[in-house]
Amino acid sequence: MFVDRVKIYVKAGNGGKGCESFYYRKGFRHRRADGGDGGDGGNIIITTNLNVPTLLGLRFNQHFKAQTGVHGSSNLKKGKRGKDCLISVPVGTNVFDLTTGCLIRDLSSEDEQVIVVKGGLGGIGNYKKQQATLGQVGEEKLISLELKLIADVGLIGYPNAGKSSFVNIVSNAKPKVAQFPFTTLSPVLGTVEFHCLEQRFVIADIPGIIENAHKGKGLGLAFLRHIERTKVSLFFIDMAGTCGREPLTDYSNLLKEIKLYNPQLLKKARILAANKMDIPLAKHNLKEFRKNIKEDIFPVSCNTGQGIEELKTFLLEQVNQIREHTVENEPKKP
């Protein structure tokens, strides 16, 4: 099961109590305070882990509490600090404070960590010539976790346009393929390998988008967040109109729905794949389509394999160009 949104409750550990203790030896005129400080409470830390694919593990385990600090004791002994509680999430997880709605951290790299609530400080022992104090209460929060998959190429299209078939052909992923809409019900990641070049890129297949998806029709736009991090948008168009729709209308509706969701997504590099070119009507529709759309269009057929290799190669070139541009524009470390 693919789970990309969960809500959890986190509670940091309380600080241990400071010790109120005195000792007296023969020859001492007065007793002396020797109570030690309490230990600090443990923190709640969210960390990324490449071995965690989704947020499924947090769907049924939603309460997390760090260990309380150990109380101080006599003879100036300080209490042990409480153990931190580590929560593992996939790379690409956004952490939100559910109460304020503020983004705490975008965890977009491996082994990245963020402390979401801090443990309370331990109480002060009476050895400092003051009354011992209780430990502070640890912080607590309601946290929302939202996963945005990290891929180089994001597939966008209507249901039954051939997106899953394309991913099946070019990558190691094997999403379900069938002759009916909404076969893909959750995002699928696949790695496209170029063994001779020793290069690769990651492709993301998301459930199909239909008209009025922004109003919740179909599967809605819930999964479009997974293409926000992609470098290239690959639009898959059913050029044969096998579901009774016009290819040009499909493309216009897809652009409209994406603009309503997040206009910034339309600024990404965009490539069009005209699928089902093995069907005779597709050739006529492609001519009409090209009269209105002046963009890169690759005629392909997932049924016969026509144009698939050319499209794969072009996608790799586009991804590499964007990678190089990103590296060049990264601020140099002093």
C-alpha atoms as a PDB file:
ATOM      1  CA  MET A   1       0.000   0.000   0.000  1.00  0.00           C
ATOM      2  CA  PHE A   2       1.287   3.442  -0.955  1.00  0.00           C
ATOM      3  CA  VAL A   3       0.791   6.003   1.832  1.00  0.00           C
ATOM      4  CA  ASP A   4       2.060   9.557   1.274  1.00  0.00           C
ATOM      5  CA  ARG A   5       0.297  11.522   4.023  1.00  0.00           C
ATOM      6  CA  VAL A   6       0.060  10.840   7.761  1.00  0.00           C
ATOM      7  CA  LYS A   7      -0.505  12.737  10.994  1.00  0.00           C
ATOM      8  CA  ILE A   8       1.399  11.821  14.148  1.00  0.00           C
ATOM      9  CA  TYR A   9       1.624  12.969  17.767  1.00  0.00           C
ATOM     10  CA  VAL A  10       5.108  13.491  19.215  1.00  0.00           C
ATOM     11  CA  LYS A  11       6.071  14.121  22.838  1.00  0.00           C
ATOM     12  CA  ALA A  12       9.628  14.800  23.980  1.00  0.00           C
ATOM     13  CA  GLY A  13      10.845  13.440  27.297  1.00  0.00           C
ATOM     14  CA  ASN A  14      10.481  15.401  30.523  1.00  0.00           C
ATOM     15  CA  GLY A  15      13.582  16.429  32.444  1.00  0.00           C
ATOM     16  CA  GLY A  16      14.495  14.355  35.482  1.00  0.00           C
ATOM     17  CA  LYS A  17      14.024  15.797  38.980  1.00  0.00           C
ATOM     18  CA  GLY A  18      16.898  17.458  40.797  1.00  0.00           C
ATOM     19  CA  CYS A  19      17.846  15.663  44.011  1.00  0.00           C
ATOM     20  CA  GLU A  20      17.324  17.148  47.489  1.00  0.00           C
ATOM     21  CA  SER A  21      20.021  15.389  49.530  1.00  0.00           C
ATOM     22  CA  PHE A  22      22.385  16.116  52.437  1.00  0.00           C
ATOM     23  CA  TYR A  23      25.270  14.269  53.975  1.00  0.00           C
ATOM     24  CA  TYR A  24      26.996  14.604  57.337  1.00  0.00           C
ATOM     25  CA  ARG A  25      30.346  13.329  58.518  1.00  0.00           C
ATOM     26  CA  LYS A  26      31.922  13.212  61.901  1.00  0.00           C
ATOM     27  CA  GLY A  27      33.755  16.455  62.325  1.00  0.00           C
ATOM     28  CA  PHE A  28      31.421  18.443  60.060  1.00  0.00           C
ATOM     29  CA  ARG A  29      29.828  21.345  61.807  1.00  0.00           C
ATOM     30  CA  HIS A  30      26.919  21.471  59.366  1.00  0.00           C
ATOM     31  CA  ARG A  31      25.428  18.994  56.948  1.00  0.00           C
ATOM     32  CA  ARG A  32      26.259  19.605  53.304  1.00  0.00           C
ATOM     33  CA  ALA A  33      23.986  19.515  50.266  1.00  0.00           C
ATOM     34  CA  ASP A  34      24.989  16.878  47.705  1.00  0.00           C
ATOM     35  CA  GLY A  35      21.907  16.437  45.487  1.00  0.00           C
ATOM     36  CA  GLY A  36      22.714  16.034  41.802  1.00  0.00           C
ATOM     37  CA  ASP A  37      20.940  17.483  38.746  1.00  0.00           C
ATOM     38  CA  GLY A  38      18.302  15.562  36.842  1.00  0.00           C
ATOM     39  CA  GLY A  39      19.000  14.363  33.298  1.00  0.00           C
ATOM     40  CA  ASP A  40      17.549  16.139  30.259  1.00  0.00           C
ATOM     41  CA  GLY A  41      14.624  14.532  28.450  1.00  0.00           C
ATOM     42  CA  GLY A  42      15.108  12.910  25.056  1.00  0.00           C
ATOM     43  CA  ASN A  43      14.239  14.642  21.762  1.00  0.00           C
ATOM     44  CA  ILE A  44      12.006  13.425  18.936  1.00  0.00           C
ATOM     45  CA  ILE A  45      14.071  13.315  15.731  1.00  0.00           C
ATOM     46  CA  ILE A  46      12.740  12.650  12.235  1.00  0.00           C
ATOM     47  CA  THR A  47      15.366  11.198   9.882  1.00  0.00           C
ATOM     48  CA  THR A  48      15.338  10.068   6.258  1.00  0.00           C
ATOM     49  CA  ASN A  49      16.081   6.475   5.299  1.00  0.00           C
ATOM     50  CA  LEU A  50      16.470   5.143   1.755  1.00  0.00           C
ATOM     51  CA  ASN A  51      15.101   1.773   2.898  1.00  0.00           C
ATOM     52  CA  VAL A  52      11.740   3.323   3.817  1.00  0.00           C
ATOM     53  CA  PRO A  53       9.670   3.650   0.598  1.00  0.00           C
ATOM     54  CA  THR A  54       6.431   5.168   1.966  1.00  0.00           C
ATOM     55  CA  LEU A  55       4.830   6.462   5.161  1.00  0.00           C
ATOM     56  CA  LEU A  56       2.838   3.252   5.619  1.00  0.00           C
ATOM     57  CA  GLY A  57       4.630   2.340   8.861  1.00  0.00           C
ATOM     58  CA  LEU A  58       3.386   5.563  10.487  1.00  0.00           C
ATOM     59  CA  ARG A  59      -0.224   5.040   9.508  1.00  0.00           C
ATOM     60  CA  PHE A  60      -0.782   2.496  12.274  1.00  0.00           C
ATOM     61  CA  ASN A  61       1.783   3.814  14.749  1.00  0.00           C
ATOM     62  CA  GLN A  62       0.943   7.460  15.282  1.00  0.00           C
ATOM     63  CA  HIS A  63       2.114   8.209  18.840  1.00  0.00           C
ATOM     64  CA  PHE A  64       5.770   8.709  19.706  1.00  0.00           C
ATOM     65  CA  LYS A  65       7.286   9.567  23.056  1.00  0.00           C
ATOM     66  CA  ALA A  66      10.948  10.070  23.952  1.00  0.00           C
ATOM     67  CA  GLN A  67      12.424   8.837  27.205  1.00  0.00           C
ATOM     68  CA  THR A  68      12.252  10.929  30.381  1.00  0.00           C
ATOM     69  CA  GLY A  69      15.550  11.979  31.962  1.00  0.00           C
ATOM     70  CA  VAL A  70      16.695  10.044  35.011  1.00  0.00           C
ATOM     71  CA  HIS A  71      16.335  11.811  38.374  1.00  0.00           C
ATOM     72  CA  GLY A  72      19.446  13.132  40.083  1.00  0.00           C
ATOM     73  CA  SER A  73      20.709  11.361  43.183  1.00  0.00           C
ATOM     74  CA  SER A  74      22.888  11.937  46.203  1.00  0.00           C
ATOM     75  CA  ASN A  75      26.653  12.276  46.125  1.00  0.00           C
ATOM     76  CA  LEU A  76      26.351  14.823  43.278  1.00  0.00           C
ATOM     77  CA  LYS A  77      25.285  12.175  40.797  1.00  0.00           C
ATOM     78  CA  LYS A  78      23.607  13.639  37.722  1.00  0.00           C
ATOM     79  CA  GLY A  79      20.750  11.715  36.159  1.00  0.00           C
ATOM     80  CA  LYS A  80      21.227  10.083  32.766  1.00  0.00           C
ATOM     81  CA  ARG A  81      19.832  11.867  29.732  1.00  0.00           C
ATOM     82  CA  GLY A  82      16.715  10.318  28.232  1.00  0.00           C
ATOM     83  CA  LYS A  83      17.068   8.460  24.923  1.00  0.00           C
ATOM     84  CA  ASP A  84      16.012  10.237  21.765  1.00  0.00           C
ATOM     85  CA  CYS A  85      13.175   8.773  19.707  1.00  0.00           C
ATOM     86  CA  LEU A  86      14.076   8.393  16.001  1.00  0.00           C
ATOM     87  CA  ILE A  87      11.322   8.307  13.362  1.00  0.00           C
ATOM     88  CA  SER A  88      12.433   7.078   9.920  1.00  0.00           C
ATOM     89  CA  VAL A  89      10.727   8.528   6.832  1.00  0.00           C
ATOM     90  CA  PRO A  90      11.383   8.364   3.067  1.00  0.00           C
ATOM     91  CA  VAL A  91      13.624  10.886   1.336  1.00  0.00           C
ATOM     92  CA  GLY A  92      11.401  13.673   0.023  1.00  0.00           C
ATOM     93  CA  THR A  93       9.193  14.024   3.114  1.00  0.00           C
ATOM     94  CA  ASN A  94       7.901  17.435   4.170  1.00  0.00           C
ATOM     95  CA  VAL A  95       7.387  17.938   7.911  1.00  0.00           C
ATOM     96  CA  PHE A  96       4.626  20.362   8.959  1.00  0.00           C
ATOM     97  CA  ASP A  97       3.452  21.657  12.320  1.00  0.00           C
ATOM     98  CA  LEU A  98      -0.223  20.702  12.147  1.00  0.00           C
ATOM     99  CA  THR A  99      -1.284  23.440  14.585  1.00  0.00           C
ATOM    100  CA  THR A 100       0.315  26.384  12.774  1.00  0.00           C
ATOM    101  CA  GLY A 101       0.558  24.876   9.284  1.00  0.00           C
ATOM    102  CA  CYS A 102       4.207  25.958   9.070  1.00  0.00           C
ATOM    103  CA  LEU A 103       6.782  23.849   7.233  1.00  0.00           C
ATOM    104  CA  ILE A 104       9.369  22.617   9.737  1.00  0.00           C
ATOM    105  CA  ARG A 105      11.746  20.984   7.231  1.00  0.00           C
ATOM    106  CA  ASP A 106      11.840  19.617   3.699  1.00  0.00           C
ATOM    107  CA  LEU A 107      13.832  16.393   4.088  1.00  0.00           C
ATOM    108  CA  SER A 108      15.149  15.991   0.555  1.00  0.00           C
ATOM    109  CA  SER A 109      18.479  14.188   1.071  1.00  0.00           C
ATOM    110  CA  GLU A 110      19.696  10.924   2.545  1.00  0.00           C
ATOM    111  CA  ASP A 111      20.272  10.715   6.325  1.00  0.00           C
ATOM    112  CA  GLU A 112      18.920  14.244   6.861  1.00  0.00           C
ATOM    113  CA  GLN A 113      17.540  14.890  10.340  1.00  0.00           C
ATOM    114  CA  VAL A 114      15.410  17.448  12.121  1.00  0.00           C
ATOM    115  CA  ILE A 115      14.498  17.762  15.816  1.00  0.00           C
ATOM    116  CA  VAL A 116      10.748  18.364  15.873  1.00  0.00           C
ATOM    117  CA  VAL A 117      10.334  18.606  19.668  1.00  0.00           C
ATOM    118  CA  LYS A 118      13.014  19.109  22.306  1.00  0.00           C
ATOM    119  CA  GLY A 119      13.250  17.341  25.645  1.00  0.00           C
ATOM    120  CA  GLY A 120      12.819  19.263  28.885  1.00  0.00           C
ATOM    121  CA  LEU A 121      15.899  20.320  30.847  1.00  0.00           C
ATOM    122  CA  GLY A 122      16.720  18.371  33.976  1.00  0.00           C
ATOM    123  CA  GLY A 123      15.964  19.854  37.392  1.00  0.00           C
ATOM    124  CA  ILE A 124      18.693  21.467  39.495  1.00  0.00           C
ATOM    125  CA  GLY A 125      20.047  19.592  42.501  1.00  0.00           C
ATOM    126  CA  ASN A 126      20.441  21.270  45.865  1.00  0.00           C
ATOM    127  CA  TYR A 127      24.243  21.029  45.770  1.00  0.00           C
ATOM    128  CA  LYS A 128      24.202  24.579  44.354  1.00  0.00           C
ATOM    129  CA  LYS A 129      22.941  25.792  47.730  1.00  0.00           C
ATOM    130  CA  GLN A 130      19.393  26.186  46.542  1.00  0.00           C
ATOM    131  CA  GLN A 131      16.275  24.100  46.752  1.00  0.00           C
ATOM    132  CA  ALA A 132      16.120  21.253  44.250  1.00  0.00           C
ATOM    133  CA  THR A 133      13.800  21.828  41.300  1.00  0.00           C
ATOM    134  CA  LEU A 134      11.647  19.626  39.113  1.00  0.00           C
ATOM    135  CA  GLY A 135      12.636  18.924  35.525  1.00  0.00           C
ATOM    136  CA  GLN A 136      11.031  20.887  32.695  1.00  0.00           C
ATOM    137  CA  VAL A 137       8.200  19.371  30.682  1.00  0.00           C
ATOM    138  CA  GLY A 138       9.164  18.171  27.197  1.00  0.00           C
ATOM    139  CA  GLU A 139       7.608  19.772  24.133  1.00  0.00           C
ATOM    140  CA  GLU A 140       4.727  18.111  22.294  1.00  0.00           C
ATOM    141  CA  LYS A 141       3.236  18.657  18.837  1.00  0.00           C
ATOM    142  CA  LEU A 142       0.896  17.314  16.232  1.00  0.00           C
ATOM    143  CA  ILE A 143       2.941  16.729  13.087  1.00  0.00           C
ATOM    144  CA  SER A 144       1.821  16.248   9.493  1.00  0.00           C
ATOM    145  CA  LEU A 145       4.136  14.308   7.167  1.00  0.00           C
ATOM    146  CA  GLU A 146       3.726  14.651   3.415  1.00  0.00           C
ATOM    147  CA  LEU A 147       5.789  12.627   0.954  1.00  0.00           C
ATOM    148  CA  LYS A 148       6.829  14.069  -2.411  1.00  0.00           C
ATOM    149  CA  LEU A 149       8.644  11.474  -4.467  1.00  0.00           C
ATOM    150  CA  ILE A 150      11.987  12.468  -5.963  1.00  0.00           C
ATOM    151  CA  ALA A 151      12.269  11.614  -9.659  1.00  0.00           C
ATOM    152  CA  ASP A 152      13.886  13.085 -12.768  1.00  0.00           C
ATOM    153  CA  VAL A 153      10.929  12.626 -15.126  1.00  0.00           C
ATOM    154  CA  GLY A 154       7.235  12.856 -14.216  1.00  0.00           C
ATOM    155  CA  LEU A 155       4.578  11.217 -16.411  1.00  0.00           C
ATOM    156  CA  ILE A 156       1.355  13.182 -16.866  1.00  0.00           C
ATOM    157  CA  GLY A 157      -1.676  12.110 -18.840  1.00  0.00           C
ATOM    158  CA  TYR A 158      -5.271  10.972 -18.933  1.00  0.00           C
ATOM    159  CA  PRO A 159      -6.187   7.493 -17.692  1.00  0.00           C
ATOM    160  CA  ASN A 160      -5.508   4.720 -20.216  1.00  0.00           C
ATOM    161  CA  ALA A 161      -3.112   6.890 -22.238  1.00  0.00           C
ATOM    162  CA  GLY A 162      -0.306   4.321 -21.968  1.00  0.00           C
ATOM    163  CA  LYS A 163       1.800   5.796 -19.157  1.00  0.00           C
ATOM    164  CA  SER A 164       2.106   2.560 -17.199  1.00  0.00           C
ATOM    165  CA  SER A 165       2.884   0.603 -20.373  1.00  0.00           C
ATOM    166  CA  PHE A 166       5.733   3.014 -21.096  1.00  0.00           C
ATOM    167  CA  VAL A 167       7.149   2.638 -17.581  1.00  0.00           C
ATOM    168  CA  ASN A 168       6.894  -1.145 -17.935  1.00  0.00           C
ATOM    169  CA  ILE A 169       8.913  -1.061 -21.158  1.00  0.00           C
ATOM    170  CA  VAL A 170      11.689   1.373 -20.248  1.00  0.00           C
ATOM    171  CA  SER A 171      12.287   0.758 -16.525  1.00  0.00           C
ATOM    172  CA  ASN A 172      12.628  -1.888 -13.850  1.00  0.00           C
ATOM    173  CA  ALA A 173       9.202  -1.008 -12.408  1.00  0.00           C
ATOM    174  CA  LYS A 174       6.220  -3.162 -13.312  1.00  0.00           C
ATOM    175  CA  PRO A 175       3.005  -1.225 -12.651  1.00  0.00           C
ATOM    176  CA  LYS A 176      -0.313  -2.907 -13.389  1.00  0.00           C
ATOM    177  CA  VAL A 177      -1.458  -2.520 -17.011  1.00  0.00           C
ATOM    178  CA  ALA A 178      -5.038  -3.136 -18.191  1.00  0.00           C
ATOM    179  CA  GLN A 179      -7.509  -1.931 -20.807  1.00  0.00           C
ATOM    180  CA  PHE A 180      -9.544   0.237 -18.461  1.00  0.00           C
ATOM    181  CA  PRO A 181      -9.055   3.676 -16.845  1.00  0.00           C
ATOM    182  CA  PHE A 182      -7.462   4.227 -13.410  1.00  0.00           C
ATOM    183  CA  THR A 183      -5.433   1.041 -13.460  1.00  0.00           C
ATOM    184  CA  THR A 184      -2.718   3.030 -11.652  1.00  0.00           C
ATOM    185  CA  LEU A 185      -4.073   4.014  -8.240  1.00  0.00           C
ATOM    186  CA  SER A 186      -0.836   5.187  -6.630  1.00  0.00           C
ATOM    187  CA  PRO A 187       2.494   6.630  -7.837  1.00  0.00           C
ATOM    188  CA  VAL A 188       5.128   4.232  -9.189  1.00  0.00           C
ATOM    189  CA  LEU A 189       8.870   4.923  -9.428  1.00  0.00           C
ATOM    190  CA  GLY A 190      11.051   3.210 -12.020  1.00  0.00           C
ATOM    191  CA  THR A 191      14.745   3.475 -12.920  1.00  0.00           C
ATOM    192  CA  VAL A 192      15.631   3.781 -16.610  1.00  0.00           C
ATOM    193  CA  GLU A 193      19.089   2.268 -17.187  1.00  0.00           C
ATOM    194  CA  PHE A 194      21.562   3.016 -19.984  1.00  0.00           C
ATOM    195  CA  HIS A 195      24.112   0.268 -19.383  1.00  0.00           C
ATOM    196  CA  CYS A 196      26.399   1.196 -22.280  1.00  0.00           C
ATOM    197  CA  LEU A 197      26.629   4.793 -21.006  1.00  0.00           C
ATOM    198  CA  GLU A 198      26.566   3.820 -17.313  1.00  0.00           C
ATOM    199  CA  GLN A 199      23.842   6.422 -16.771  1.00  0.00           C
ATOM    200  CA  ARG A 200      20.302   6.335 -15.439  1.00  0.00           C
ATOM    201  CA  PHE A 201      17.339   8.473 -14.507  1.00  0.00           C
ATOM    202  CA  VAL A 202      14.256   7.922 -12.357  1.00  0.00           C
ATOM    203  CA  ILE A 203      10.770   8.155 -13.817  1.00  0.00           C
ATOM    204  CA  ALA A 204       7.525   8.618 -11.847  1.00  0.00           C
ATOM    205  CA  ASP A 205       4.154   7.377 -13.058  1.00  0.00           C
ATOM    206  CA  ILE A 206       1.193   8.976 -11.282  1.00  0.00           C
ATOM    207  CA  PRO A 207      -2.534   8.152 -11.587  1.00  0.00           C
ATOM    208  CA  GLY A 208      -4.315   9.673 -14.567  1.00  0.00           C
ATOM    209  CA  ILE A 209      -5.699  13.206 -14.465  1.00  0.00           C
ATOM    210  CA  ILE A 210      -9.064  14.086 -15.971  1.00  0.00           C
ATOM    211  CA  GLU A 211     -11.059  17.268 -16.556  1.00  0.00           C
ATOM    212  CA  ASN A 212     -12.228  18.961 -13.314  1.00  0.00           C
ATOM    213  CA  ALA A 213      -9.709  16.971 -11.291  1.00  0.00           C
ATOM    214  CA  HIS A 214      -9.081  20.133  -9.254  1.00  0.00           C
ATOM    215  CA  LYS A 215     -12.690  19.787  -8.037  1.00  0.00           C
ATOM    216  CA  GLY A 216     -12.016  16.253  -6.837  1.00  0.00           C
ATOM    217  CA  LYS A 217     -13.250  14.399  -9.919  1.00  0.00           C
ATOM    218  CA  GLY A 218     -11.571  11.066 -10.609  1.00  0.00           C
ATOM    219  CA  LEU A 219      -8.610  10.675  -8.275  1.00  0.00           C
ATOM    220  CA  GLY A 220      -8.302  14.462  -8.080  1.00  0.00           C
ATOM    221  CA  LEU A 221      -4.933  16.201  -7.950  1.00  0.00           C
ATOM    222  CA  ALA A 222      -3.795  14.480  -4.764  1.00  0.00           C
ATOM    223  CA  PHE A 223      -0.818  12.821  -6.448  1.00  0.00           C
ATOM    224  CA  LEU A 224       0.429  15.801  -8.464  1.00  0.00           C
ATOM    225  CA  ARG A 225       2.710  16.766  -5.570  1.00  0.00           C
ATOM    226  CA  HIS A 226       4.900  13.851  -6.638  1.00  0.00           C
ATOM    227  CA  ILE A 227       5.962  15.615  -9.837  1.00  0.00           C
ATOM    228  CA  GLU A 228       6.819  18.904  -8.107  1.00  0.00           C
ATOM    229  CA  ARG A 229      10.448  17.780  -7.669  1.00  0.00           C
ATOM    230  CA  THR A 230      10.882  16.342 -11.171  1.00  0.00           C
ATOM    231  CA  LYS A 231      13.175  17.966 -13.722  1.00  0.00           C
ATOM    232  CA  VAL A 232      11.150  17.091 -16.839  1.00  0.00           C
ATOM    233  CA  SER A 233       7.397  16.694 -17.419  1.00  0.00           C
ATOM    234  CA  LEU A 234       6.497  14.020 -19.975  1.00  0.00           C
ATOM    235  CA  PHE A 235       2.926  14.404 -21.232  1.00  0.00           C
ATOM    236  CA  PHE A 236       1.457  11.179 -22.604  1.00  0.00           C
ATOM    237  CA  ILE A 237      -1.333  11.786 -25.128  1.00  0.00           C
ATOM    238  CA  ASP A 238      -3.634   9.118 -26.590  1.00  0.00           C
ATOM    239  CA  MET A 239      -3.240  10.283 -30.200  1.00  0.00           C
ATOM    240  CA  ALA A 240      -5.722   7.688 -31.485  1.00  0.00           C
ATOM    241  CA  GLY A 241      -8.505   8.966 -29.211  1.00  0.00           C
ATOM    242  CA  THR A 242      -9.436   5.412 -28.247  1.00  0.00           C
ATOM    243  CA  CYS A 243     -11.625   6.612 -25.360  1.00  0.00           C
ATOM    244  CA  GLY A 244     -13.639   8.949 -27.591  1.00  0.00           C
ATOM    245  CA  ARG A 245     -11.720  12.120 -26.680  1.00  0.00           C
ATOM    246  CA  GLU A 246      -9.843  14.582 -28.871  1.00  0.00           C
ATOM    247  CA  PRO A 247      -6.031  14.595 -28.302  1.00  0.00           C
ATOM    248  CA  LEU A 248      -5.835  18.388 -28.488  1.00  0.00           C
ATOM    249  CA  THR A 249      -8.618  18.748 -25.929  1.00  0.00           C
ATOM    250  CA  ASP A 250      -6.870  16.254 -23.642  1.00  0.00           C
ATOM    251  CA  TYR A 251      -3.645  18.235 -23.730  1.00  0.00           C
ATOM    252  CA  SER A 252      -5.425  21.550 -23.124  1.00  0.00           C
ATOM    253  CA  ASN A 253      -7.303  20.110 -20.163  1.00  0.00           C
ATOM    254  CA  LEU A 254      -4.120  18.677 -18.649  1.00  0.00           C
ATOM    255  CA  LEU A 255      -2.399  22.069 -18.846  1.00  0.00           C
ATOM    256  CA  LYS A 256      -5.448  23.750 -17.311  1.00  0.00           C
ATOM    257  CA  GLU A 257      -5.660  21.312 -14.393  1.00  0.00           C
ATOM    258  CA  ILE A 258      -1.941  21.622 -13.638  1.00  0.00           C
ATOM    259  CA  LYS A 259      -2.127  25.411 -13.772  1.00  0.00           C
ATOM    260  CA  LEU A 260      -5.007  25.364 -11.287  1.00  0.00           C
ATOM    261  CA  TYR A 261      -2.961  23.116  -8.991  1.00  0.00           C
ATOM    262  CA  ASN A 262       0.415  24.878  -9.227  1.00  0.00           C
ATOM    263  CA  PRO A 263       1.326  27.226 -12.128  1.00  0.00           C
ATOM    264  CA  GLN A 264       5.040  26.756 -11.357  1.00  0.00           C
ATOM    265  CA  LEU A 265       4.848  23.192 -12.687  1.00  0.00           C
ATOM    266  CA  LEU A 266       4.283  24.551 -16.196  1.00  0.00           C
ATOM    267  CA  LYS A 267       7.726  26.171 -16.118  1.00  0.00           C
ATOM    268  CA  LYS A 268       9.446  22.779 -16.123  1.00  0.00           C
ATOM    269  CA  ALA A 269      10.939  21.304 -19.292  1.00  0.00           C
ATOM    270  CA  ARG A 270       8.013  19.762 -21.186  1.00  0.00           C
ATOM    271  CA  ILE A 271       8.013  16.878 -23.672  1.00  0.00           C
ATOM    272  CA  LEU A 272       5.016  15.378 -25.462  1.00  0.00           C
ATOM    273  CA  ALA A 273       4.664  11.698 -26.345  1.00  0.00           C
ATOM    274  CA  ALA A 274       2.000  10.925 -28.952  1.00  0.00           C
ATOM    275  CA  ASN A 275       1.129   7.346 -28.056  1.00  0.00           C
ATOM    276  CA  LYS A 276      -0.785   4.597 -29.913  1.00  0.00           C
ATOM    277  CA  MET A 277       0.692   5.543 -33.287  1.00  0.00           C
ATOM    278  CA  ASP A 278       0.151   1.949 -34.473  1.00  0.00           C
ATOM    279  CA  ILE A 279      -3.576   2.790 -34.825  1.00  0.00           C
ATOM    280  CA  PRO A 280      -4.300   4.357 -38.283  1.00  0.00           C
ATOM    281  CA  LEU A 281      -6.419   7.261 -36.943  1.00  0.00           C
ATOM    282  CA  ALA A 282      -3.466   8.454 -34.828  1.00  0.00           C
ATOM    283  CA  LYS A 283      -1.506   9.652 -37.891  1.00  0.00           C
ATOM    284  CA  HIS A 284      -4.332  11.951 -38.981  1.00  0.00           C
ATOM    285  CA  ASN A 285      -4.808  13.263 -35.438  1.00  0.00           C
ATOM    286  CA  LEU A 286      -1.071  13.931 -35.083  1.00  0.00           C
ATOM    287  CA  LYS A 287      -1.083  16.167 -38.178  1.00  0.00           C
ATOM    288  CA  GLU A 288      -3.930  18.243 -36.735  1.00  0.00           C
ATOM    289  CA  PHE A 289      -2.249  18.290 -33.341  1.00  0.00           C
ATOM    290  CA  ARG A 290       1.028  19.646 -34.751  1.00  0.00           C
ATOM    291  CA  LYS A 291      -0.810  22.489 -36.471  1.00  0.00           C
ATOM    292  CA  ASN A 292      -1.815  23.840 -33.052  1.00  0.00           C
ATOM    293  CA  ILE A 293       1.007  22.719 -30.752  1.00  0.00           C
ATOM    294  CA  LYS A 294       4.560  23.867 -31.533  1.00  0.00           C
ATOM    295  CA  GLU A 295       6.451  21.759 -29.006  1.00  0.00           C
ATOM    296  CA  ASP A 296       8.678  18.675 -29.000  1.00  0.00           C
ATOM    297  CA  ILE A 297       6.398  15.781 -29.961  1.00  0.00           C
ATOM    298  CA  PHE A 298       7.592  12.164 -30.127  1.00  0.00           C
ATOM    299  CA  PRO A 299       5.337   9.708 -31.983  1.00  0.00           C
ATOM    300  CA  VAL A 300       5.508   6.407 -30.073  1.00  0.00           C
ATOM    301  CA  SER A 301       3.675   3.134 -29.702  1.00  0.00           C
ATOM    302  CA  CYS A 302       3.969   1.140 -26.504  1.00  0.00           C
ATOM    303  CA  ASN A 303       2.348  -1.736 -28.380  1.00  0.00           C
ATOM    304  CA  THR A 304       4.969  -2.024 -31.158  1.00  0.00           C
ATOM    305  CA  GLY A 305       7.907  -0.214 -29.544  1.00  0.00           C
ATOM    306  CA  GLN A 306       7.943   2.516 -32.203  1.00  0.00           C
ATOM    307  CA  GLY A 307       9.903   5.597 -31.097  1.00  0.00           C
ATOM    308  CA  ILE A 308      10.507   4.345 -27.552  1.00  0.00           C
ATOM    309  CA  GLU A 309      14.317   4.286 -27.756  1.00  0.00           C
ATOM    310  CA  GLU A 310      14.449   7.745 -29.318  1.00  0.00           C
ATOM    311  CA  LEU A 311      12.250   9.133 -26.548  1.00  0.00           C
ATOM    312  CA  LYS A 312      14.353   7.464 -23.846  1.00  0.00           C
ATOM    313  CA  THR A 313      17.553   8.958 -25.254  1.00  0.00           C
ATOM    314  CA  PHE A 314      16.037  12.422 -25.544  1.00  0.00           C
ATOM    315  CA  LEU A 315      14.795  12.264 -21.949  1.00  0.00           C
ATOM    316  CA  LEU A 316      18.291  11.350 -20.745  1.00  0.00           C
ATOM    317  CA  GLU A 317      19.776  14.290 -22.668  1.00  0.00           C
ATOM    318  CA  GLN A 318      17.261  16.687 -21.137  1.00  0.00           C
ATOM    319  CA  VAL A 319      17.825  15.361 -17.623  1.00  0.00           C
ATOM    320  CA  ASN A 320      21.625  15.608 -17.998  1.00  0.00           C
ATOM    321  CA  GLN A 321      21.396  19.185 -19.254  1.00  0.00           C
ATOM    322  CA  ILE A 322      19.295  20.216 -16.270  1.00  0.00           C
ATOM    323  CA  ARG A 323      21.619  18.366 -13.872  1.00  0.00           C
ATOM    324  CA  GLU A 324      24.643  20.184 -15.303  1.00  0.00           C
ATOM    325  CA  HIS A 325      22.852  23.532 -15.145  1.00  0.00           C
ATOM    326  CA  THR A 326      21.875  22.883 -11.524  1.00  0.00           C
ATOM    327  CA  VAL A 327      25.463  22.040 -10.554  1.00  0.00           C
ATOM    328  CA  GLU A 328      26.813  25.166 -12.273  1.00  0.00           C
ATOM    329  CA  ASN A 329      24.362  27.392 -10.388  1.00  0.00           C
ATOM    330  CA  GLU A 330      24.930  25.866  -6.972  1.00  0.00           C
ATOM    331  CA  PRO A 331      26.662  28.281  -4.591  1.00  0.00           C
ATOM    332  CA  LYS A 332      30.316  27.370  -4.122  1.00  0.00           C
ATOM    333  CA  LYS A 333      31.368  26.385  -0.630  1.00  0.00           C
ATOM    334  CA  PRO A 334      34.066  28.610   0.886  1.00  0.00           C
END
